[in-house]
């Protein structure tokens, strides 16, 4: 599993989230690159399959085909 939840900046814009906290840490990606997230979202509420979930996610600027909106 992942060490953090990730949401793209584009997905944030699509669901009308335009403000987030500054992120106090770097991420080490699977290809070993270090990436500085553009933000941190806390206490996001989701309903998946009829179940409520609350989680936090880092916001990354993800571009290009094959990127996922939320990991």
Protein backbone atom coordinates (compact mmCIF):
# COMPACT_ATOMS: atom_id res chain seq x y z
CA UNK A 1 0.00 0.00 0.00
CA UNK A 2 0.88 3.63 -0.26
CA UNK A 3 2.39 5.72 2.49
CA UNK A 4 0.03 8.62 1.76
CA UNK A 5 -3.15 9.33 -0.17
CA UNK A 6 -2.63 11.49 -3.26
CA UNK A 7 -5.10 13.71 -5.12
CA UNK A 8 -4.30 15.64 -8.29
CA UNK A 9 -4.63 19.40 -8.47
CA UNK A 10 -6.92 18.93 -11.50
CA UNK A 11 -9.26 16.69 -9.48
CA UNK A 12 -9.35 19.27 -6.67
CA UNK A 13 -10.39 21.89 -9.20
CA UNK A 14 -13.09 19.61 -10.63
CA UNK A 15 -14.65 19.07 -7.20
CA UNK A 16 -14.28 22.75 -6.32
CA UNK A 17 -11.48 22.47 -3.76
CA UNK A 18 -9.24 25.47 -4.34
CA UNK A 19 -7.48 25.94 -1.01
CA UNK A 20 -5.25 23.63 0.98
CA UNK A 21 -2.57 23.74 3.67
CA UNK A 22 1.08 23.94 2.79
CA UNK A 23 2.67 20.50 2.95
CA UNK A 24 5.58 20.16 5.41
CA UNK A 25 7.29 17.16 3.78
CA UNK A 26 8.72 15.75 0.54
CA UNK A 27 7.40 12.58 -1.08
CA UNK A 28 9.59 9.81 -2.48
CA UNK A 29 7.90 8.52 -5.62
CA UNK A 30 8.03 4.91 -6.86
CA UNK A 31 10.70 5.91 -9.40
CA UNK A 32 12.76 7.33 -6.50
CA UNK A 33 12.21 11.01 -7.43
CA UNK A 34 11.64 13.42 -4.56
CA UNK A 35 8.56 15.60 -5.07
CA UNK A 36 7.38 18.58 -3.05
CA UNK A 37 3.54 18.42 -2.86
CA UNK A 38 1.68 21.63 -3.62
CA UNK A 39 -0.65 21.13 -0.69
CA UNK A 40 -2.22 19.00 2.01
CA UNK A 41 -5.94 18.34 2.51
CA UNK A 42 -7.20 17.04 5.83
CA UNK A 43 -10.51 15.42 6.76
CA UNK A 44 -11.84 14.79 3.26
CA UNK A 45 -15.18 13.01 3.47
CA UNK A 46 -16.04 10.35 0.88
CA UNK A 47 -18.87 7.91 0.38
CA UNK A 48 -17.74 4.73 -1.37
CA UNK A 49 -20.09 1.80 -1.76
CA UNK A 50 -22.44 3.30 0.80
CA UNK A 51 -19.69 3.60 3.45
CA UNK A 52 -18.42 6.93 4.81
CA UNK A 53 -14.67 7.54 4.93
CA UNK A 54 -12.63 10.45 6.21
CA UNK A 55 -9.00 10.78 5.15
CA UNK A 56 -6.21 13.20 4.37
CA UNK A 57 -4.38 13.53 1.05
CA UNK A 58 -1.45 15.39 -0.45
CA UNK A 59 -2.10 17.46 -3.55
CA UNK A 60 0.25 16.89 -6.49
CA UNK A 61 0.43 18.51 -9.89
CA UNK A 62 -0.03 15.39 -12.04
CA UNK A 63 -0.08 15.85 -15.80
CA UNK A 64 -0.32 13.61 -18.80
CA UNK A 65 -2.26 10.59 -19.95
CA UNK A 66 -2.58 7.67 -17.60
CA UNK A 67 -2.57 9.72 -14.40
CA UNK A 68 -5.08 8.82 -11.74
CA UNK A 69 -7.33 11.47 -10.12
CA UNK A 70 -6.94 10.00 -6.64
CA UNK A 71 -4.64 7.33 -5.15
